[in-house]
C-alpha atoms as a PDB file:
ATOM      1  CA  MET A   1     -22.037  11.077 -12.778  1.00  0.00           C
ATOM      2  CA  ASP A   2     -23.980  13.487 -12.153  1.00  0.00           C
ATOM      3  CA  GLY A   3     -22.836  16.746 -11.194  1.00  0.00           C
ATOM      4  CA  GLN A   4     -24.060  17.020  -7.116  1.00  0.00           C
ATOM      5  CA  HIS A   5     -22.789  13.239  -6.880  1.00  0.00           C
ATOM      6  CA  TRP A   6     -19.577  14.499  -7.959  1.00  0.00           C
ATOM      7  CA  LEU A   7     -19.233  17.269  -5.272  1.00  0.00           C
ATOM      8  CA  ASP A   8     -20.468  14.829  -2.535  1.00  0.00           C
ATOM      9  CA  ASN A   9     -18.010  12.669  -3.936  1.00  0.00           C
ATOM     10  CA  VAL A  10     -15.338  15.202  -3.882  1.00  0.00           C
ATOM     11  CA  ARG A  11     -16.334  16.914  -0.573  1.00  0.00           C
ATOM     12  CA  SER A  12     -16.235  13.363   1.410  1.00  0.00           C
ATOM     13  CA  ARG A  13     -12.865  13.128  -0.042  1.00  0.00           C
ATOM     14  CA  TYR A  14     -11.304  16.329   1.020  1.00  0.00           C
ATOM     15  CA  LYS A  15     -12.927  15.564   4.257  1.00  0.00           C
ATOM     16  CA  ARG A  16     -10.668  12.029   4.643  1.00  0.00           C
ATOM     17  CA  TYR A  17      -7.807  13.254   3.384  1.00  0.00           C
ATOM     18  CA  ARG A  18      -7.894  15.860   6.509  1.00  0.00           C
ATOM     19  CA  ARG A  19      -8.987  13.306   8.405  1.00  0.00           C
ATOM     20  CA  ASN A  20      -5.483  11.192   7.463  1.00  0.00           C
ATOM     21  CA  ALA A  21      -3.305  14.183   7.757  1.00  0.00           C
ATOM     22  CA  GLU A  22      -4.714  14.845  11.337  1.00  0.00           C
ATOM     23  CA  ASP A  23      -4.582  11.414  12.577  1.00  0.00           C
ATOM     24  CA  ALA A  24      -1.214  10.657  11.564  1.00  0.00           C
ATOM     25  CA  ALA A  25       0.229  13.961  13.176  1.00  0.00           C
ATOM     26  CA  ALA A  26      -1.841  13.103  16.128  1.00  0.00           C
ATOM     27  CA  GLN A  27       0.855  10.380  16.696  1.00  0.00           C
ATOM     28  CA  VAL A  28       3.423  12.458  16.923  1.00  0.00           C
ATOM     29  CA  SER A  29       5.312  14.372  19.789  1.00  0.00           C
ATOM     30  CA  ASP A  30       5.361  18.119  19.776  1.00  0.00           C
ATOM     31  CA  HIS A  31       9.398  17.640  19.034  1.00  0.00           C
ATOM     32  CA  ASP A  32       8.356  15.194  16.422  1.00  0.00           C
ATOM     33  CA  LEU A  33       6.387  17.710  14.765  1.00  0.00           C
ATOM     34  CA  PHE A  34       8.772  19.949  14.380  1.00  0.00           C
ATOM     35  CA  CYS A  35      11.404  17.542  13.139  1.00  0.00           C
ATOM     36  CA  VAL A  36      12.873  16.812   9.338  1.00  0.00           C
ATOM     37  CA  ALA A  37      13.765  13.062   8.151  1.00  0.00           C
ATOM     38  CA  GLY A  38      14.815  11.992   4.735  1.00  0.00           C
ATOM     39  CA  GLY A  39      15.959  14.970   3.114  1.00  0.00           C
ATOM     40  CA  ASN A  40      12.638  16.223   3.533  1.00  0.00           C
ATOM     41  CA  PRO A  41      13.444  20.033   4.552  1.00  0.00           C
ATOM     42  CA  ASN A  42       9.713  20.717   5.553  1.00  0.00           C
ATOM     43  CA  SER A  43       8.323  19.295   8.725  1.00  0.00           C
ATOM     44  CA  ILE A  44       5.137  18.277   9.281  1.00  0.00           C
ATOM     45  CA  ALA A  45       4.138  21.155  11.315  1.00  0.00           C
ATOM     46  CA  VAL A  46       5.194  22.663   7.991  1.00  0.00           C
ATOM     47  CA  LEU A  47       3.094  20.876   5.708  1.00  0.00           C
ATOM     48  CA  LEU A  48       0.450  21.811   7.866  1.00  0.00           C
ATOM     49  CA  LYS A  49       0.980  25.304   7.715  1.00  0.00           C
ATOM     50  CA  HIS A  50       1.193  25.481   4.014  1.00  0.00           C
ATOM     51  CA  VAL A  51      -1.429  23.770   3.426  1.00  0.00           C
ATOM     52  CA  GLY A  52      -3.686  25.189   5.188  1.00  0.00           C
ATOM     53  CA  GLY A  53      -2.179  28.759   3.777  1.00  0.00           C
ATOM     54  CA  ASN A  54      -2.609  26.860   0.486  1.00  0.00           C
ATOM     55  CA  LEU A  55      -6.443  25.828   0.992  1.00  0.00           C
ATOM     56  CA  ARG A  56      -7.109  29.390   2.480  1.00  0.00           C
ATOM     57  CA  ALA A  57      -5.723  30.994  -0.719  1.00  0.00           C
ATOM     58  CA  ARG A  58      -7.473  29.045  -2.683  1.00  0.00           C
ATOM     59  CA  TRP A  59     -11.178  28.481  -1.391  1.00  0.00           C
ATOM     60  CA  ARG A  60     -11.985  32.142   0.096  1.00  0.00           C
ATOM     61  CA  ASP A  61     -14.197  33.614  -2.432  1.00  0.00           C
ATOM     62  CA  PHE A  62     -13.262  30.722  -4.361  1.00  0.00           C
ATOM     63  CA  LEU A  63     -16.142  31.634  -7.658  1.00  0.00           C
ATOM     64  CA  THR A  64     -14.832  35.407  -7.645  1.00  0.00           C
ATOM     65  CA  THR A  65     -11.438  36.216  -7.058  1.00  0.00           C
ATOM     66  CA  ASP A  66      -7.635  34.555  -8.430  1.00  0.00           C
ATOM     67  CA  GLY A  67      -6.978  32.019  -6.408  1.00  0.00           C
ATOM     68  CA  GLU A  68      -3.202  33.704  -5.470  1.00  0.00           C
ATOM     69  CA  LYS A  69      -4.782  35.767  -2.567  1.00  0.00           C
ATOM     70  CA  ARG A  70      -2.557  39.235  -2.140  1.00  0.00           C
ATOM     71  CA  ASP A  71      -2.817  39.037   1.821  1.00  0.00           C
ATOM     72  CA  ARG A  72      -0.787  35.060   1.127  1.00  0.00           C
ATOM     73  CA  ALA A  73       2.836  34.793   2.312  1.00  0.00           C
ATOM     74  CA  ARG A  74       3.458  31.693   0.997  1.00  0.00           C
ATOM     75  CA  ASP A  75       7.168  31.796   2.038  1.00  0.00           C
ATOM     76  CA  ALA A  76       6.353  32.359   5.126  1.00  0.00           C
ATOM     77  CA  GLU A  77       4.137  29.369   5.066  1.00  0.00           C
ATOM     78  CA  PHE A  78       7.436  26.999   5.291  1.00  0.00           C
ATOM     79  CA  VAL A  79       8.956  28.737   8.501  1.00  0.00           C
ATOM     80  CA  ALA A  80       8.304  27.338  11.747  1.00  0.00           C
ATOM     81  CA  GLU A  81      10.308  28.984  13.881  1.00  0.00           C
ATOM     82  CA  GLY A  82       8.398  30.407  17.134  1.00  0.00           C
ATOM     83  CA  GLU A  83       5.613  28.514  16.262  1.00  0.00           C
ATOM     84  CA  THR A  84       3.271  25.597  18.340  1.00  0.00           C
ATOM     85  CA  ARG A  85       1.390  22.404  17.441  1.00  0.00           C
ATOM     86  CA  GLU A  86      -1.774  24.737  18.574  1.00  0.00           C
ATOM     87  CA  THR A  87      -0.254  27.572  16.291  1.00  0.00           C
ATOM     88  CA  ILE A  88       0.511  25.507  13.654  1.00  0.00           C
ATOM     89  CA  LEU A  89      -3.071  23.575  13.720  1.00  0.00           C
ATOM     90  CA  GLU A  90      -4.773  26.792  13.385  1.00  0.00           C
ATOM     91  CA  HIS A  91      -3.657  27.600  10.416  1.00  0.00           C
ATOM     92  CA  TRP A  92      -4.937  24.095   9.430  1.00  0.00           C
ATOM     93  CA  ASN A  93      -7.811  24.711  10.721  1.00  0.00           C
ATOM     94  CA  ALA A  94      -8.979  28.100   9.153  1.00  0.00           C
ATOM     95  CA  GLY A  95      -7.438  26.505   5.607  1.00  0.00           C
ATOM     96  CA  TRP A  96     -10.015  24.065   6.204  1.00  0.00           C
ATOM     97  CA  ASP A  97     -12.754  26.338   7.095  1.00  0.00           C
ATOM     98  CA  VAL A  98     -12.629  28.561   4.265  1.00  0.00           C
ATOM     99  CA  ALA A  99     -12.188  25.089   1.539  1.00  0.00           C
ATOM    100  CA  LEU A 100     -15.283  23.450   3.116  1.00  0.00           C
ATOM    101  CA  ALA A 101     -17.554  26.045   3.704  1.00  0.00           C
ATOM    102  CA  GLU A 102     -16.820  27.152  -0.482  1.00  0.00           C
ATOM    103  CA  LEU A 103     -17.191  23.380  -1.155  1.00  0.00           C
ATOM    104  CA  ARG A 104     -20.644  23.836   0.249  1.00  0.00           C
ATOM    105  CA  GLN A 105     -21.782  26.570  -1.234  1.00  0.00           C
ATOM    106  CA  LEU A 106     -20.911  24.621  -4.589  1.00  0.00           C
ATOM    107  CA  ARG A 107     -23.690  23.754  -6.810  1.00  0.00           C
ATOM    108  CA  PRO A 108     -23.765  21.194  -9.673  1.00  0.00           C
ATOM    109  CA  GLU A 109     -24.365  24.664 -12.238  1.00  0.00           C
ATOM    110  CA  ASP A 110     -21.111  26.201 -10.769  1.00  0.00           C
ATOM    111  CA  LEU A 111     -18.598  23.052 -12.367  1.00  0.00           C
ATOM    112  CA  ALA A 112     -18.033  24.342 -16.007  1.00  0.00           C
ATOM    113  CA  ARG A 113     -17.784  28.155 -14.530  1.00  0.00           C
ATOM    114  CA  ILE A 114     -13.924  29.693 -14.691  1.00  0.00           C
ATOM    115  CA  VAL A 115     -11.935  30.574 -11.665  1.00  0.00           C
ATOM    116  CA  THR A 116      -8.592  31.918 -12.195  1.00  0.00           C
ATOM    117  CA  ILE A 117      -5.513  30.564 -10.215  1.00  0.00           C
ATOM    118  CA  ARG A 118      -1.909  33.072 -10.676  1.00  0.00           C
ATOM    119  CA  GLY A 119      -4.280  35.038 -13.404  1.00  0.00           C
ATOM    120  CA  ALA A 120      -4.180  31.068 -15.982  1.00  0.00           C
ATOM    121  CA  PRO A 121      -8.375  30.542 -16.263  1.00  0.00           C
ATOM    122  CA  TRP A 122      -9.623  26.722 -14.830  1.00  0.00           C
ATOM    123  CA  THR A 123     -13.169  25.147 -14.586  1.00  0.00           C
ATOM    124  CA  VAL A 124     -14.348  24.858 -11.180  1.00  0.00           C
ATOM    125  CA  VAL A 125     -13.916  21.143 -11.792  1.00  0.00           C
ATOM    126  CA  GLU A 126      -9.517  21.843 -12.818  1.00  0.00           C
ATOM    127  CA  ALA A 127      -9.519  24.072 -10.272  1.00  0.00           C
ATOM    128  CA  VAL A 128     -11.029  21.410  -7.722  1.00  0.00           C
ATOM    129  CA  HIS A 129      -9.312  18.312  -8.586  1.00  0.00           C
ATOM    130  CA  ARG A 130      -6.026  20.649  -8.883  1.00  0.00           C
ATOM    131  CA  ASN A 131      -6.251  21.723  -5.178  1.00  0.00           C
ATOM    132  CA  LEU A 132      -7.303  18.115  -3.930  1.00  0.00           C
ATOM    133  CA  ASP A 133      -3.899  17.219  -5.948  1.00  0.00           C
ATOM    134  CA  HIS A 134      -1.958  19.297  -3.619  1.00  0.00           C
ATOM    135  CA  VAL A 135      -3.536  17.993  -0.533  1.00  0.00           C
ATOM    136  CA  VAL A 136      -3.407  14.689  -1.558  1.00  0.00           C
ATOM    137  CA  TYR A 137       0.309  15.024  -2.158  1.00  0.00           C
ATOM    138  CA  HIS A 138       0.952  16.819   0.811  1.00  0.00           C
ATOM    139  CA  THR A 139      -1.465  14.255   3.231  1.00  0.00           C
ATOM    140  CA  GLY A 140       1.440  11.420   1.828  1.00  0.00           C
ATOM    141  CA  GLN A 141       4.480  13.036   2.768  1.00  0.00           C
ATOM    142  CA  ILE A 142       2.507  14.086   6.498  1.00  0.00           C
ATOM    143  CA  VAL A 143       1.725  10.298   7.136  1.00  0.00           C
ATOM    144  CA  SER A 144       5.215   9.204   5.638  1.00  0.00           C
ATOM    145  CA  LEU A 145       7.118  11.618   7.778  1.00  0.00           C
ATOM    146  CA  ALA A 146       4.658  10.603  10.750  1.00  0.00           C
ATOM    147  CA  ARG A 147       4.931   7.449  10.136  1.00  0.00           C
ATOM    148  CA  VAL A 148       8.729   7.221  10.531  1.00  0.00           C
ATOM    149  CA  PHE A 149       8.413   8.782  13.447  1.00  0.00           C
ATOM    150  CA  ALA A 150       6.378   6.927  15.210  1.00  0.00           C
ATOM    151  CA  GLY A 151       7.586   3.545  14.850  1.00  0.00           C
ATOM    152  CA  GLU A 152       5.938   0.847  16.204  1.00  0.00           C
ATOM    153  CA  ALA A 153       3.359   2.445  18.380  1.00  0.00           C
ATOM    154  CA  TRP A 154       2.494   3.604  14.776  1.00  0.00           C
ATOM    155  CA  ARG A 155      -1.834   2.935  14.119  1.00  0.00           C
ATOM    156  CA  THR A 156      -2.375   2.087  10.073  1.00  0.00           C
ATOM    157  CA  GLN A 157      -4.861   3.996   8.836  1.00  0.00           C
ATOM    158  CA  SER A 158      -5.493   1.599   6.010  1.00  0.00           C
ATOM    159  CA  ILE A 159      -5.902  -2.320   6.053  1.00  0.00           C
ATOM    160  CA  ALA A 160      -2.650  -3.247   8.107  1.00  0.00           C
ATOM    161  CA  ILE A 161      -0.358  -5.574   7.260  1.00  0.00           C
ATOM    162  CA  GLY A 162      -1.357  -9.369   7.059  1.00  0.00           C
ATOM    163  CA  GLU A 163      -5.442  -8.093   7.228  1.00  0.00           C
ATOM    164  CA  SER A 164      -6.917  -8.140   3.645  1.00  0.00           C
ATOM    165  CA  ASP A 165      -8.132 -11.140   3.590  1.00  0.00           C
ATOM    166  CA  ALA A 166     -10.226 -10.342   6.864  1.00  0.00           C
ATOM    167  CA  HIS A 167     -10.800  -6.678   5.511  1.00  0.00           C
ATOM    168  CA  ASN A 168     -11.806  -8.678   2.105  1.00  0.00           C
ATOM    169  CA  ALA A 169     -14.331 -10.670   3.435  1.00  0.00           C
ATOM    170  CA  ARG A 170     -16.132  -8.071   5.641  1.00  0.00           C
ATOM    171  CA  MET A 171     -16.294  -6.045   2.460  1.00  0.00           C
ATOM    172  CA  ARG A 172     -18.173  -8.959   0.802  1.00  0.00           C
ATOM    173  CA  GLU A 173     -20.608  -9.098   3.519  1.00  0.00           C
ATOM    174  CA  ARG A 174     -21.451  -6.039   3.822  1.00  0.00           C
ATOM    175  CA  HIS A 175     -21.590  -5.096  -0.203  1.00  0.00           C
ATOM    176  CA  GLY A 176     -21.654  -8.514  -1.555  1.00  0.00           C
ATOM    177  CA  ASP A 177     -21.901  -9.813  -5.473  1.00  0.00           C
ATOM    178  CA  TRP A 178     -21.783  -5.921  -6.090  1.00  0.00           C
ATOM    179  CA  TRP A 179     -18.448  -5.518  -4.907  1.00  0.00           C
ATOM    180  CA  ASN A 180     -16.838  -9.025  -6.153  1.00  0.00           C
ATOM    181  CA  GLU A 181     -18.356  -8.171  -9.498  1.00  0.00           C
ATOM    182  CA  LYS A 182     -16.221  -4.663  -9.170  1.00  0.00           C
ATOM    183  CA  ARG A 183     -13.047  -5.607  -7.799  1.00  0.00           C
ATOM    184  CA  ASN A 184     -13.360  -9.068 -10.909  1.00  0.00           C
ATOM    185  CA  ASP A 185     -13.453  -5.591 -13.498  1.00  0.00           C
ATOM    186  CA  ALA A 186     -10.888  -3.470 -12.304  1.00  0.00           C
END
């Protein structure tokens, strides 16, 4: 895979996980957005706020400054008192705006460059994977919590139970032999 293809793929993945988290959070009431469940001390609101803060810190001036910014108040990201859905989404969107703008600026020749996070050196590829892992981890938590709170009203974000065969048939129609060969190689 060449560098440009990798960058395009990473950008697409970030956008997919953003959409997953936003779609999940949209399925819960304002009250449930701030509730905790199952022994997890973090509500959906806290997770959204934390991911937004992390993205803002890691991606602001990504190639030129340490990924842990001096003005980041990480511990405050885990407090939602006094917040509303709107203020939580402001934190969330501010982080995403920075991350996606910086991702658009990256070029294949940047991938081997060294950036720092908390003083530790990482290649751009390693730093991106590290951050994407963080986003994926918390997106999973957001989706799981939202599914619990939404209950029977939950709208699935993937293939619904009982729909696998129909989905696979659509994939065969769309991708033909390539999709079947790829699936059989797995």
